[in-house]
Amino acid sequence: MSPYEDAVVRELNLWRQKMMRKPSAVNRLSKNLQTRMNKIIPEKVHQAITATIKQMTRAVLFGAEFLTRQPVLEPLTLEEREERVRDRISFYKTAGAAEGGVTGAGGILLGLADFPLLLALKMKLLFEIAAIYGYPVNEYKERLYIMHIFQLAFSSQERRQFVYQQMINWQAKSQQLPADIDQFDWRTFQQEYRDYIDLVKMAQLVPGIGAAVGLVANYRLMDALGKTAMNAYRMRWAEARELEIS
């Protein structure tokens, strides 16, 4: 392997340990508080939120502008591909920060508009990263992998462990996945995502600080998503090379 690939394997090992570590006391406390809050919310509200996020996400996953992205099939090295990936992450971090700043400065109505706008930016970033690594995003199983990456980035530590296990040896496991995306666990998906970003995004609605909060929060959320995606595709690269990840 090249020196760059050696470094990637070391980073991948550290990332795996992070994904598999047990939830901390703070993680457990935060998750328990969110669980209690979710129990207070009426079931009809949960159903409405789940349906909304499901339809929004489906619209993005099956949108023509996303599915027309072609995989980069040039004989590039991993380092060359990841140079392109980092460039796109940098672009979307800036775009996300700008969008968060504008909607955060606009009060509650524009603040609420931030949710679908930011979701679309996140999905665009994931589709571009997948294509740069050479994966055909028009294939259903590749879009499901993108959904797993999304969950990995924006879930509690307990849920993150479960999702990570589902992504190991993806080539084989993907053959056992449901053929219909309606069978995807949308309820858990929306609750984990909402719980993960609730406190930060609620602060974005506060007059006077909304713009600053939105700018910083969106920048960090896009950065976290980009790093998670890179390691998720590095994991598949390592599996294809039959490299041991401890």
Protein backbone atom coordinates (compact mmCIF):
# COMPACT_ATOMS: atom_id res chain seq x y z
CA MET A 1 0.00 0.00 0.00
CA SER A 2 1.01 3.61 -0.49
CA PRO A 3 1.85 5.81 2.52
CA TYR A 4 -1.49 7.55 2.02
CA GLU A 5 -3.38 4.24 2.15
CA ASP A 6 -1.47 3.22 5.28
CA ALA A 7 -2.62 6.45 6.91
CA VAL A 8 -6.20 5.81 5.78
CA VAL A 9 -6.22 2.37 7.42
CA ARG A 10 -5.00 3.89 10.70
CA GLU A 11 -7.69 6.58 10.56
CA LEU A 12 -10.28 3.94 9.72
CA ASN A 13 -9.32 1.90 12.78
CA LEU A 14 -9.73 4.94 15.03
CA TRP A 15 -13.08 5.74 13.44
CA ARG A 16 -14.30 2.17 13.93
CA GLN A 17 -13.42 2.38 17.63
CA LYS A 18 -15.37 5.63 17.86
CA MET A 19 -18.42 4.06 16.18
CA MET A 20 -18.36 0.99 18.45
CA ARG A 21 -17.59 2.56 21.82
CA LYS A 22 -20.26 2.35 24.49
CA PRO A 23 -22.51 5.37 25.09
CA SER A 24 -21.11 7.72 27.72
CA ALA A 25 -23.08 8.86 30.76
CA VAL A 26 -23.85 12.12 28.95
CA ASN A 27 -25.00 10.21 25.85
CA ARG A 28 -27.31 8.04 27.94
CA LEU A 29 -28.73 11.01 29.84
CA SER A 30 -29.38 12.95 26.67
CA LYS A 31 -31.03 9.94 25.01
CA ASN A 32 -33.22 9.29 28.07
CA LEU A 33 -34.40 12.91 28.11
CA GLN A 34 -35.23 12.79 24.40
CA THR A 35 -37.06 9.48 24.87
CA ARG A 36 -39.18 10.98 27.64
CA MET A 37 -39.96 13.99 25.49
CA ASN A 38 -40.98 11.72 22.61
CA LYS A 39 -43.38 9.88 24.90
CA ILE A 40 -45.10 13.14 25.76
CA ILE A 41 -45.64 14.04 22.11
CA PRO A 42 -49.00 12.66 20.86
CA GLU A 43 -48.84 9.67 18.52
CA LYS A 44 -50.60 11.60 15.76
CA VAL A 45 -47.83 14.19 15.85
CA HIS A 46 -45.18 11.46 15.57
CA GLN A 47 -47.02 9.96 12.61
CA ALA A 48 -47.27 13.35 10.91
CA ILE A 49 -43.57 14.12 11.42
CA THR A 50 -42.56 10.65 10.23
CA ALA A 51 -44.70 10.99 7.10
CA THR A 52 -43.27 14.44 6.38
CA ILE A 53 -39.63 13.40 6.73
CA LYS A 54 -40.30 10.22 4.78
CA GLN A 55 -41.77 12.13 1.85
CA MET A 56 -39.04 14.78 1.95
CA THR A 57 -36.30 12.18 2.01
CA ARG A 58 -37.93 10.07 -0.71
CA ALA A 59 -38.22 13.15 -2.92
CA VAL A 60 -34.50 13.72 -2.54
CA LEU A 61 -33.49 10.08 -2.89
CA PHE A 62 -35.47 9.65 -6.09
CA GLY A 63 -35.01 13.16 -7.49
CA ALA A 64 -33.81 13.27 -11.09
CA GLU A 65 -30.97 15.70 -10.32
CA PHE A 66 -29.56 13.20 -7.83
CA LEU A 67 -29.97 9.99 -9.80
CA THR A 68 -28.29 11.42 -12.91
CA ARG A 69 -24.97 11.69 -11.09
CA GLN A 70 -22.54 9.35 -12.81
CA PRO A 71 -19.93 7.36 -10.90
CA VAL A 72 -16.34 8.45 -11.44
CA LEU A 73 -14.85 5.42 -13.17
CA GLU A 74 -11.48 6.93 -14.02
CA PRO A 75 -8.53 4.86 -12.73
CA LEU A 76 -7.86 7.22 -9.84
CA THR A 77 -5.95 6.40 -6.69
CA LEU A 78 -7.72 6.60 -3.35
CA GLU A 79 -5.79 9.78 -2.59
CA GLU A 80 -6.92 11.41 -5.85
CA ARG A 81 -10.54 10.50 -5.19
CA GLU A 82 -10.40 11.84 -1.67
CA GLU A 83 -8.91 15.12 -2.85
CA ARG A 84 -12.08 15.58 -4.88
CA VAL A 85 -14.24 14.48 -1.95
CA ARG A 86 -12.64 17.02 0.38
CA ASP A 87 -13.22 19.74 -2.18
CA ARG A 88 -16.94 18.94 -2.32
CA ILE A 89 -17.19 18.76 1.49
CA SER A 90 -15.59 22.19 1.73
CA PHE A 91 -18.07 23.57 -0.81
CA TYR A 92 -21.11 22.15 0.98
CA LYS A 93 -19.90 23.27 4.41
CA THR A 94 -19.75 26.83 3.07
CA ALA A 95 -23.13 26.48 1.33
CA GLY A 96 -24.74 25.00 4.46
CA ALA A 97 -23.31 27.74 6.67
CA ALA A 98 -24.59 30.46 4.32
CA GLU A 99 -28.05 28.88 4.21
CA GLY A 100 -28.14 28.55 8.00
CA GLY A 101 -27.08 32.15 8.48
CA VAL A 102 -29.78 33.48 6.14
CA THR A 103 -32.62 31.36 7.53
CA GLY A 104 -31.45 31.93 11.11
CA ALA A 105 -31.57 35.70 10.59
CA GLY A 106 -35.09 35.54 9.18
CA GLY A 107 -36.93 34.55 12.33
CA ILE A 108 -39.18 31.58 12.97
CA LEU A 109 -40.68 31.18 9.49
CA LEU A 110 -37.36 31.16 7.67
CA GLY A 111 -35.85 29.15 10.51
CA LEU A 112 -38.39 26.41 9.90
CA ALA A 113 -37.55 26.49 6.19
CA ASP A 114 -33.97 25.58 7.11
CA PHE A 115 -34.92 21.95 7.80
CA PRO A 116 -35.81 20.87 4.24
CA LEU A 117 -33.12 23.08 2.70
CA LEU A 118 -30.38 21.63 4.88
CA LEU A 119 -31.66 18.08 4.33
CA ALA A 120 -31.41 18.59 0.55
CA LEU A 121 -27.84 19.91 0.87
CA LYS A 122 -26.85 16.93 3.00
CA MET A 123 -28.25 14.46 0.51
CA LYS A 124 -26.59 16.25 -2.41
CA LEU A 125 -23.26 16.00 -0.63
CA LEU A 126 -23.74 12.27 0.01
CA PHE A 127 -24.69 11.57 -3.61
CA GLU A 128 -21.64 13.46 -4.87
CA ILE A 129 -19.30 11.65 -2.49
CA ALA A 130 -20.72 8.25 -3.52
CA ALA A 131 -20.21 9.08 -7.18
CA ILE A 132 -16.63 10.25 -6.62
CA TYR A 133 -15.82 6.93 -4.92
CA GLY A 134 -17.20 5.23 -8.03
CA TYR A 135 -20.58 3.95 -6.82
CA PRO A 136 -23.68 4.11 -9.07
CA VAL A 137 -26.19 6.13 -7.06
CA ASN A 138 -29.02 5.21 -9.43
CA GLU A 139 -28.97 1.73 -7.88
CA TYR A 140 -31.44 1.26 -5.03
CA LYS A 141 -29.00 -0.53 -2.70
CA GLU A 142 -26.49 2.31 -3.06
CA ARG A 143 -29.16 4.80 -2.04
CA LEU A 144 -29.90 2.66 1.01
CA TYR A 145 -26.20 2.80 1.87
CA ILE A 146 -26.45 6.58 1.70
CA MET A 147 -29.36 6.40 4.16
CA HIS A 148 -27.20 4.33 6.50
CA ILE A 149 -24.42 6.92 6.31
CA PHE A 150 -26.94 9.62 7.15
CA GLN A 151 -28.08 7.67 10.21
CA LEU A 152 -24.50 7.01 11.26
CA ALA A 153 -23.78 10.74 11.27
CA PHE A 154 -26.94 11.86 13.02
CA SER A 155 -27.92 9.28 15.61
CA SER A 156 -27.36 8.51 19.27
CA GLN A 157 -24.27 6.46 20.09
CA GLU A 158 -26.42 3.41 20.82
CA ARG A 159 -28.13 3.61 17.44
CA ARG A 160 -24.81 4.37 15.76
CA GLN A 161 -23.40 1.04 16.95
CA PHE A 162 -26.35 -0.82 15.42
CA VAL A 163 -26.16 1.02 12.09
CA TYR A 164 -22.41 0.50 11.84
CA GLN A 165 -22.87 -3.25 12.27
CA GLN A 166 -25.38 -3.22 9.43
CA MET A 167 -22.82 -1.57 7.15
CA ILE A 168 -20.03 -4.09 7.72
CA ASN A 169 -19.66 -6.39 4.70
CA TRP A 170 -22.28 -4.33 2.88
CA GLN A 171 -21.91 -6.17 -0.43
CA ALA A 172 -23.29 -9.36 1.12
CA LYS A 173 -25.75 -7.78 3.53
CA SER A 174 -27.32 -5.56 0.89
CA GLN A 175 -28.67 -8.65 -0.82
CA GLN A 176 -30.87 -9.30 2.23
CA LEU A 177 -32.30 -5.79 2.47
CA PRO A 178 -35.98 -5.08 1.72
CA ALA A 179 -36.67 -4.44 -1.95
CA ASP A 180 -39.20 -1.73 -1.11
CA ILE A 181 -37.99 1.47 0.54
CA ASP A 182 -41.37 1.72 2.31
CA GLN A 183 -40.08 -1.09 4.55
CA PHE A 184 -37.28 1.18 5.74
CA ASP A 185 -37.57 2.08 9.45
CA TRP A 186 -38.68 5.67 8.91
CA ARG A 187 -39.94 6.14 12.47
CA THR A 188 -36.54 5.45 14.02
CA PHE A 189 -34.82 7.42 11.26
CA GLN A 190 -36.81 10.59 11.89
CA GLN A 191 -36.68 10.34 15.68
CA GLU A 192 -32.92 9.83 15.80
CA TYR A 193 -32.29 12.65 13.33
CA ARG A 194 -34.68 15.02 15.06
CA ASP A 195 -33.31 14.21 18.53
CA TYR A 196 -29.73 14.70 17.33
CA ILE A 197 -30.25 18.22 15.98
CA ASP A 198 -33.23 19.47 18.02
CA LEU A 199 -31.40 21.57 20.62
CA VAL A 200 -29.10 23.21 18.12
CA LYS A 201 -31.79 23.96 15.57
CA MET A 202 -34.23 25.28 18.18
CA ALA A 203 -31.59 27.83 19.20
CA GLN A 204 -31.48 28.93 15.58
CA LEU A 205 -35.05 30.24 15.96
CA VAL A 206 -34.10 32.61 18.79
CA PRO A 207 -34.10 36.28 17.61
CA GLY A 208 -30.72 37.96 17.75
CA ILE A 209 -28.58 34.81 17.79
CA GLY A 210 -30.33 32.74 15.11
CA ALA A 211 -28.03 33.76 12.28
CA ALA A 212 -24.82 32.99 14.19
CA VAL A 213 -26.19 29.71 15.51
CA GLY A 214 -27.45 28.66 12.09
CA LEU A 215 -24.15 29.45 10.40
CA VAL A 216 -21.98 27.56 12.89
CA ALA A 217 -24.41 24.66 13.40
CA ASN A 218 -24.87 23.96 9.70
CA TYR A 219 -21.14 24.19 9.05
CA ARG A 220 -20.43 21.62 11.76
CA LEU A 221 -23.28 19.32 10.71
CA MET A 222 -22.04 19.27 7.10
CA ASP A 223 -18.47 18.66 8.29
CA ALA A 224 -19.57 15.73 10.45
CA LEU A 225 -21.56 14.25 7.58
CA GLY A 226 -18.67 14.58 5.15
CA LYS A 227 -16.20 12.88 7.50
CA THR A 228 -18.66 10.08 8.23
CA ALA A 229 -19.24 9.49 4.52
CA MET A 230 -15.52 9.36 3.78
CA ASN A 231 -14.94 6.70 6.41
CA ALA A 232 -18.02 4.74 5.34
CA TYR A 233 -16.67 4.45 1.79
CA ARG A 234 -13.16 3.82 3.06
CA MET A 235 -14.65 0.84 4.91
CA ARG A 236 -15.91 -0.59 1.61
CA TRP A 237 -12.56 0.15 -0.02
CA ALA A 238 -10.81 -1.79 2.74
CA GLU A 239 -13.25 -4.70 2.46
CA ALA A 240 -12.71 -4.86 -1.31
CA ARG A 241 -8.97 -5.01 -0.67
CA GLU A 242 -9.57 -7.60 2.09
CA LEU A 243 -7.71 -5.44 4.59
CA GLU A 244 -8.04 -6.19 8.28
CA ILE A 245 -9.72 -3.40 10.24
CA SER A 246 -9.29 -3.99 13.97
